[in-house]
PDB file of N, CA and C in Angstrom:
ATOM      1  N   MET A   1      57.518  66.349  37.906  1.00  0.00           N
ATOM      2  CA  MET A   1      58.682  65.747  37.300  1.00  0.00           C
ATOM      3  C   MET A   1      58.578  64.229  37.304  1.00  0.00           C
ATOM      4  N   ARG A   2      57.875  63.679  38.249  1.00  0.00           N
ATOM      5  CA  ARG A   2      57.741  62.231  38.333  1.00  0.00           C
ATOM      6  C   ARG A   2      56.948  61.679  37.146  1.00  0.00           C
ATOM      7  N   LEU A   3      55.942  62.416  36.682  1.00  0.00           N
ATOM      8  CA  LEU A   3      55.158  61.985  35.532  1.00  0.00           C
ATOM      9  C   LEU A   3      56.026  61.926  34.277  1.00  0.00           C
ATOM     10  N   LEU A   4      56.882  62.913  34.095  1.00  0.00           N
ATOM     11  CA  LEU A   4      57.766  62.932  32.937  1.00  0.00           C
ATOM     12  C   LEU A   4      58.738  61.752  32.961  1.00  0.00           C
ATOM     13  N   GLU A   5      59.260  61.418  34.123  1.00  0.00           N
ATOM     14  CA  GLU A   5      60.147  60.259  34.249  1.00  0.00           C
ATOM     15  C   GLU A   5      59.410  58.973  33.910  1.00  0.00           C
ATOM     16  N   ARG A   6      58.183  58.860  34.375  1.00  0.00           N
ATOM     17  CA  ARG A   6      57.383  57.668  34.103  1.00  0.00           C
ATOM     18  C   ARG A   6      57.085  57.541  32.604  1.00  0.00           C
ATOM     19  N   MET A   7      56.810  58.683  31.953  1.00  0.00           N
ATOM     20  CA  MET A   7      56.531  58.666  30.520  1.00  0.00           C
ATOM     21  C   MET A   7      57.770  58.264  29.725  1.00  0.00           C
ATOM     22  N   ARG A   8      58.930  58.717  30.152  1.00  0.00           N
ATOM     23  CA  ARG A   8      60.171  58.332  29.474  1.00  0.00           C
ATOM     24  C   ARG A   8      60.448  56.853  29.636  1.00  0.00           C
ATOM     25  N   LYS A   9      60.106  56.318  30.790  1.00  0.00           N
ATOM     26  CA  LYS A   9      60.337  54.904  31.045  1.00  0.00           C
ATOM     27  C   LYS A   9      59.367  54.036  30.240  1.00  0.00           C
ATOM     28  N   ASP A  10      58.114  54.422  30.167  1.00  0.00           N
ATOM     29  CA  ASP A  10      57.069  53.626  29.516  1.00  0.00           C
ATOM     30  C   ASP A  10      56.637  54.202  28.170  1.00  0.00           C
ATOM     31  N   TRP A  11      57.569  54.744  27.414  1.00  0.00           N
ATOM     32  CA  TRP A  11      57.224  55.394  26.155  1.00  0.00           C
ATOM     33  C   TRP A  11      56.616  54.424  25.147  1.00  0.00           C
ATOM     34  N   PHE A  12      57.060  53.182  25.151  1.00  0.00           N
ATOM     35  CA  PHE A  12      56.542  52.220  24.173  1.00  0.00           C
ATOM     36  C   PHE A  12      55.083  51.883  24.463  1.00  0.00           C
ATOM     37  N   MET A  13      54.771  51.661  25.729  1.00  0.00           N
ATOM     38  CA  MET A  13      53.387  51.342  26.105  1.00  0.00           C
ATOM     39  C   MET A  13      52.461  52.525  25.820  1.00  0.00           C
ATOM     40  N   ILE A  14      52.938  53.717  26.069  1.00  0.00           N
ATOM     41  CA  ILE A  14      52.142  54.911  25.770  1.00  0.00           C
ATOM     42  C   ILE A  14      51.892  55.008  24.263  1.00  0.00           C
ATOM     43  N   GLY A  15      52.910  54.705  23.469  1.00  0.00           N
ATOM     44  CA  GLY A  15      52.757  54.726  22.017  1.00  0.00           C
ATOM     45  C   GLY A  15      51.756  53.699  21.523  1.00  0.00           C
ATOM     46  N   ILE A  16      51.782  52.507  22.125  1.00  0.00           N
ATOM     47  CA  ILE A  16      50.820  51.470  21.738  1.00  0.00           C
ATOM     48  C   ILE A  16      49.401  51.914  22.058  1.00  0.00           C
ATOM     49  N   VAL A  17      49.203  52.469  23.246  1.00  0.00           N
ATOM     50  CA  VAL A  17      47.868  52.938  23.635  1.00  0.00           C
ATOM     51  C   VAL A  17      47.397  54.045  22.696  1.00  0.00           C
ATOM     52  N   LEU A  18      48.288  54.966  22.332  1.00  0.00           N
ATOM     53  CA  LEU A  18      47.914  56.036  21.411  1.00  0.00           C
ATOM     54  C   LEU A  18      47.593  55.488  20.015  1.00  0.00           C
ATOM     55  N   ALA A  19      48.344  54.500  19.562  1.00  0.00           N
ATOM     56  CA  ALA A  19      48.066  53.897  18.249  1.00  0.00           C
ATOM     57  C   ALA A  19      46.713  53.193  18.249  1.00  0.00           C
ATOM     58  N   ILE A  20      46.406  52.476  19.322  1.00  0.00           N
ATOM     59  CA  ILE A  20      45.111  51.793  19.410  1.00  0.00           C
ATOM     60  C   ILE A  20      43.974  52.800  19.485  1.00  0.00           C
ATOM     61  N   ALA A  21      44.164  53.858  20.257  1.00  0.00           N
ATOM     62  CA  ALA A  21      43.126  54.891  20.362  1.00  0.00           C
ATOM     63  C   ALA A  21      42.915  55.574  19.009  1.00  0.00           C
ATOM     64  N   GLY A  22      44.005  55.848  18.295  1.00  0.00           N
ATOM     65  CA  GLY A  22      43.887  56.459  16.974  1.00  0.00           C
ATOM     66  C   GLY A  22      43.169  55.557  15.986  1.00  0.00           C
ATOM     67  N   ALA A  23      43.445  54.263  16.058  1.00  0.00           N
ATOM     68  CA  ALA A  23      42.768  53.308  15.173  1.00  0.00           C
ATOM     69  C   ALA A  23      41.293  53.193  15.511  1.00  0.00           C
ATOM     70  N   LYS A  24      40.968  53.312  16.782  1.00  0.00           N
ATOM     71  CA  LYS A  24      39.555  53.257  17.201  1.00  0.00           C
ATOM     72  C   LYS A  24      38.798  54.507  16.736  1.00  0.00           C
ATOM     73  N   LEU A  25      39.470  55.659  16.787  1.00  0.00           N
ATOM     74  CA  LEU A  25      38.822  56.910  16.402  1.00  0.00           C
ATOM     75  C   LEU A  25      38.696  57.071  14.884  1.00  0.00           C
ATOM     76  N   GLU A  26      39.687  56.599  14.144  1.00  0.00           N
ATOM     77  CA  GLU A  26      39.681  56.777  12.689  1.00  0.00           C
ATOM     78  C   GLU A  26      40.121  55.493  11.985  1.00  0.00           C
ATOM     79  N   PRO A  27      39.247  54.475  11.953  1.00  0.00           N
ATOM     80  CA  PRO A  27      39.639  53.193  11.354  1.00  0.00           C
ATOM     81  C   PRO A  27      39.782  53.227   9.835  1.00  0.00           C
ATOM     82  N   SER A  28      39.265  54.245   9.190  1.00  0.00           N
ATOM     83  CA  SER A  28      39.322  54.287   7.723  1.00  0.00           C
ATOM     84  C   SER A  28      40.744  54.475   7.195  1.00  0.00           C
ATOM     85  N   ILE A  29      41.664  54.892   8.039  1.00  0.00           N
ATOM     86  CA  ILE A  29      43.049  55.087   7.595  1.00  0.00           C
ATOM     87  C   ILE A  29      43.709  53.748   7.287  1.00  0.00           C
ATOM     88  N   GLY A  30      43.366  52.700   8.045  1.00  0.00           N
ATOM     89  CA  GLY A  30      44.037  51.422   7.886  1.00  0.00           C
ATOM     90  C   GLY A  30      43.321  50.390   7.042  1.00  0.00           C
ATOM     91  N   VAL A  31      42.227  50.750   6.387  1.00  0.00           N
ATOM     92  CA  VAL A  31      41.504  49.772   5.570  1.00  0.00           C
ATOM     93  C   VAL A  31      42.242  49.532   4.246  1.00  0.00           C
ATOM     94  N   ASN A  32      41.952  48.397   3.593  1.00  0.00           N
ATOM     95  CA  ASN A  32      42.553  48.127   2.282  1.00  0.00           C
ATOM     96  C   ASN A  32      42.213  49.243   1.312  1.00  0.00           C
ATOM     97  N   GLY A  33      43.224  49.745   0.634  1.00  0.00           N
ATOM     98  CA  GLY A  33      43.026  50.854  -0.296  1.00  0.00           C
ATOM     99  C   GLY A  33      43.079  52.206   0.384  1.00  0.00           C
ATOM    100  N   GLY A  34      43.261  52.241   1.692  1.00  0.00           N
ATOM    101  CA  GLY A  34      43.331  53.496   2.434  1.00  0.00           C
ATOM    102  C   GLY A  34      44.699  54.154   2.284  1.00  0.00           C
ATOM    103  N   PRO A  35      44.898  55.257   2.972  1.00  0.00           N
ATOM    104  CA  PRO A  35      46.153  56.016   2.832  1.00  0.00           C
ATOM    105  C   PRO A  35      47.406  55.242   3.253  1.00  0.00           C
ATOM    106  N   LEU A  36      47.284  54.312   4.204  1.00  0.00           N
ATOM    107  CA  LEU A  36      48.458  53.557   4.643  1.00  0.00           C
ATOM    108  C   LEU A  36      48.798  52.389   3.729  1.00  0.00           C
ATOM    109  N   LYS A  37      47.881  52.022   2.839  1.00  0.00           N
ATOM    110  CA  LYS A  37      48.065  50.899   1.915  1.00  0.00           C
ATOM    111  C   LYS A  37      48.550  49.646   2.655  1.00  0.00           C
ATOM    112  N   PRO A  38      47.756  49.102   3.594  1.00  0.00           N
ATOM    113  CA  PRO A  38      48.214  47.947   4.376  1.00  0.00           C
ATOM    114  C   PRO A  38      48.442  46.703   3.542  1.00  0.00           C
ATOM    115  N   GLU A  39      47.805  46.593   2.387  1.00  0.00           N
ATOM    116  CA  GLU A  39      48.028  45.427   1.539  1.00  0.00           C
ATOM    117  C   GLU A  39      49.471  45.376   1.034  1.00  0.00           C
ATOM    118  N   ILE A  40      50.126  46.522   0.939  1.00  0.00           N
ATOM    119  CA  ILE A  40      51.541  46.584   0.539  1.00  0.00           C
ATOM    120  C   ILE A  40      52.436  46.689   1.769  1.00  0.00           C
ATOM    121  N   THR A  41      52.070  47.583   2.668  1.00  0.00           N
ATOM    122  CA  THR A  41      52.895  47.868   3.840  1.00  0.00           C
ATOM    123  C   THR A  41      53.118  46.642   4.704  1.00  0.00           C
ATOM    124  N   VAL A  42      52.057  45.920   5.023  1.00  0.00           N
ATOM    125  CA  VAL A  42      52.171  44.781   5.921  1.00  0.00           C
ATOM    126  C   VAL A  42      52.880  43.621   5.245  1.00  0.00           C
ATOM    127  N   SER A  43      52.527  43.345   4.023  1.00  0.00           N
ATOM    128  CA  SER A  43      53.057  42.137   3.382  1.00  0.00           C
ATOM    129  C   SER A  43      54.517  42.278   2.954  1.00  0.00           C
ATOM    130  N   TYR A  44      54.975  43.448   2.634  1.00  0.00           N
ATOM    131  CA  TYR A  44      56.340  43.604   2.145  1.00  0.00           C
ATOM    132  C   TYR A  44      57.228  44.393   3.108  1.00  0.00           C
ATOM    133  N   ILE A  45      56.839  45.613   3.393  1.00  0.00           N
ATOM    134  CA  ILE A  45      57.705  46.504   4.165  1.00  0.00           C
ATOM    135  C   ILE A  45      57.841  46.041   5.611  1.00  0.00           C
ATOM    136  N   ALA A  46      56.759  45.656   6.245  1.00  0.00           N
ATOM    137  CA  ALA A  46      56.828  45.240   7.649  1.00  0.00           C
ATOM    138  C   ALA A  46      57.639  43.963   7.814  1.00  0.00           C
ATOM    139  N   VAL A  47      57.439  43.003   6.949  1.00  0.00           N
ATOM    140  CA  VAL A  47      58.181  41.745   7.041  1.00  0.00           C
ATOM    141  C   VAL A  47      59.667  41.989   6.804  1.00  0.00           C
ATOM    142  N   ALA A  48      60.004  42.783   5.819  1.00  0.00           N
ATOM    143  CA  ALA A  48      61.402  43.094   5.540  1.00  0.00           C
ATOM    144  C   ALA A  48      62.041  43.829   6.711  1.00  0.00           C
ATOM    145  N   THR A  49      61.315  44.738   7.329  1.00  0.00           N
ATOM    146  CA  THR A  49      61.841  45.480   8.478  1.00  0.00           C
ATOM    147  C   THR A  49      62.097  44.559   9.658  1.00  0.00           C
ATOM    148  N   ILE A  50      61.202  43.623   9.900  1.00  0.00           N
ATOM    149  CA  ILE A  50      61.390  42.680  11.002  1.00  0.00           C
ATOM    150  C   ILE A  50      62.640  41.835  10.777  1.00  0.00           C
ATOM    151  N   PHE A  51      62.815  41.307   9.568  1.00  0.00           N
ATOM    152  CA  PHE A  51      64.004  40.505   9.286  1.00  0.00           C
ATOM    153  C   PHE A  51      65.275  41.345   9.355  1.00  0.00           C
ATOM    154  N   PHE A  52      65.219  42.580   8.886  1.00  0.00           N
ATOM    155  CA  PHE A  52      66.379  43.473   8.940  1.00  0.00           C
ATOM    156  C   PHE A  52      66.783  43.746  10.386  1.00  0.00           C
ATOM    157  N   ASN A  53      65.803  44.049  11.236  1.00  0.00           N
ATOM    158  CA  ASN A  53      66.099  44.299  12.649  1.00  0.00           C
ATOM    159  C   ASN A  53      66.636  43.048  13.330  1.00  0.00           C
ATOM    160  N   SER A  54      66.134  41.892  12.976  1.00  0.00           N
ATOM    161  CA  SER A  54      66.659  40.646  13.540  1.00  0.00           C
ATOM    162  C   SER A  54      68.113  40.441  13.133  1.00  0.00           C
ATOM    163  N   GLY A  55      68.433  40.758  11.905  1.00  0.00           N
ATOM    164  CA  GLY A  55      69.812  40.648  11.450  1.00  0.00           C
ATOM    165  C   GLY A  55      70.734  41.614  12.154  1.00  0.00           C
ATOM    166  N   LEU A  56      70.252  42.809  12.437  1.00  0.00           N
ATOM    167  CA  LEU A  56      71.070  43.783  13.153  1.00  0.00           C
ATOM    168  C   LEU A  56      71.372  43.355  14.589  1.00  0.00           C
ATOM    169  N   SER A  57      70.506  42.540  15.165  1.00  0.00           N
ATOM    170  CA  SER A  57      70.704  42.129  16.543  1.00  0.00           C
ATOM    171  C   SER A  57      71.683  40.960  16.681  1.00  0.00           C
ATOM    172  N   LEU A  58      72.104  40.357  15.566  1.00  0.00           N
ATOM    173  CA  LEU A  58      73.068  39.262  15.638  1.00  0.00           C
ATOM    174  C   LEU A  58      74.443  39.773  16.045  1.00  0.00           C
ATOM    175  N   LYS A  59      75.141  38.998  16.809  1.00  0.00           N
ATOM    176  CA  LYS A  59      76.512  39.361  17.189  1.00  0.00           C
ATOM    177  C   LYS A  59      77.426  39.119  15.992  1.00  0.00           C
ATOM    178  N   THR A  60      78.409  39.979  15.823  1.00  0.00           N
ATOM    179  CA  THR A  60      79.294  39.846  14.669  1.00  0.00           C
ATOM    180  C   THR A  60      80.141  38.578  14.743  1.00  0.00           C
ATOM    181  N   GLU A  61      80.383  38.076  15.956  1.00  0.00           N
ATOM    182  CA  GLU A  61      81.142  36.830  16.077  1.00  0.00           C
ATOM    183  C   GLU A  61      80.376  35.660  15.462  1.00  0.00           C
ATOM    184  N   LEU A  62      79.060  35.688  15.560  1.00  0.00           N
ATOM    185  CA  LEU A  62      78.253  34.617  14.977  1.00  0.00           C
ATOM    186  C   LEU A  62      78.252  34.671  13.451  1.00  0.00           C
ATOM    187  N   LEU A  63      78.434  35.850  12.897  1.00  0.00           N
ATOM    188  CA  LEU A  63      78.392  36.000  11.451  1.00  0.00           C
ATOM    189  C   LEU A  63      79.698  35.567  10.791  1.00  0.00           C
ATOM    190  N   THR A  64      80.798  35.659  11.523  1.00  0.00           N
ATOM    191  CA  THR A  64      82.104  35.326  10.917  1.00  0.00           C
ATOM    192  C   THR A  64      82.469  33.878  11.080  1.00  0.00           C
TER     193      THR A  64
END
């Protein structure tokens, strides 16, 4: 049960390690023109998502 608690606590770090391991095992997924289309995803969708999340974190008192 202690391992499960630790995994719940460190879920983000585990996800990062799994993403890096997946990229190391199959790098062709993330190349330009690949299935993830990083030339579109990174330049448009990722930037928009970052700004959207930053806006959501603002306090409503600051917006009014």
